[in-house]
Amino acid sequence: MRQLSLQDDHDARSDFVREIVQREGERKAANPTSPARPPKTIIQFWNNPNRLPDDVKECLDSWKGLEDEGFDLKLFEEGSARDYIGRTLDSRHVRAYDKCYHPAMQSDYFRLCYVFVEGGCYVDADDLYQAVSIEDLFSDGRLKIQPLCYDISTFRMVPPGIFTKPGANSSTWIFYFNNNPLIASREHPIVERALASATRALERSSNKALPDIQTTTGPGNLTKSVFDHARQHDDLWESLLVLTDWEDIAVSKWPLSYRSDARNWRISNRTKYRP
């Protein structure tokens, strides 16, 4: 069998995501293999709450109304996330977390740890909740994630209303899965795979050659984990639900003040973070 080149592998993953996203009927008709419901917990992360921008606080506060509906909101910071990993996993995972050189990377890795251990719903701190019901997201234990599509010719994201239509495609589009939100019951096999992959990649990294955030702990790692799981198991439709309508639930605010400085991982990728 011909060995896939790195580009071949990226293309195969993009085609795989596109096929899943555009097979709407099969996706919704599947019965979940795990009826276990994730806890009604919303987990978020901001590395330093003492330096929380007002516009990010607005996003965080938008979720507080869910507490009246029985949801538990938990905001972690750099230290409490590390403590949690140490209490619930082991020193290997703590060491991997310590090698996350940017707050976005810490957030990426921590969400995998938390959702694997306890289950729940991880949401980025800059997502603004639209005050619609999310009860259905907690009705079964499937992994629920959002698809994305990026057009490399325009340097813009393709709207879901366009890229989710059956047959929609372009040679300049890249389909992938976001790691926000990340919703699942505890010990979900795809989350377990993504956590293991991120841990190994961090263990191989060095301060002399900092790894790419997206590939190591972010959406690239999650997309590859879903892809690899599907190649080895035939239960993908039963263990995964793709959220093509997540933007009806929460909107990633843009612009936000922190996006113009080193707190934005796109600016600090492969660079040691200095607050």
Foldseek 3Di string as FASTA:
>chain_A
DDDADPVSVQVVLQVVLLVVLQPVVLLVPAAAPFQQFAALEEEEEDADPVPDDPLLVQQVVLCVVCVVVVHHYYYYHLVVLLVVCVVQPHVLLSVLLVLQQARVLNRLLSVLSVCQRGFHKYAYSQWHFPPDDPVVLRRGFAWEWEKWKAFPVVRDTDQLVQSSHPPRDDPRIGIFTWPGITGGGHNQPLSVQLNVQLSVVSVPDDLVFRDFRCCRRTGVSSSVSLVVVVVVDVCSSNRYRYCSPCVNGIDRDPPDPVCVDLNNCVVQTRHRDDD
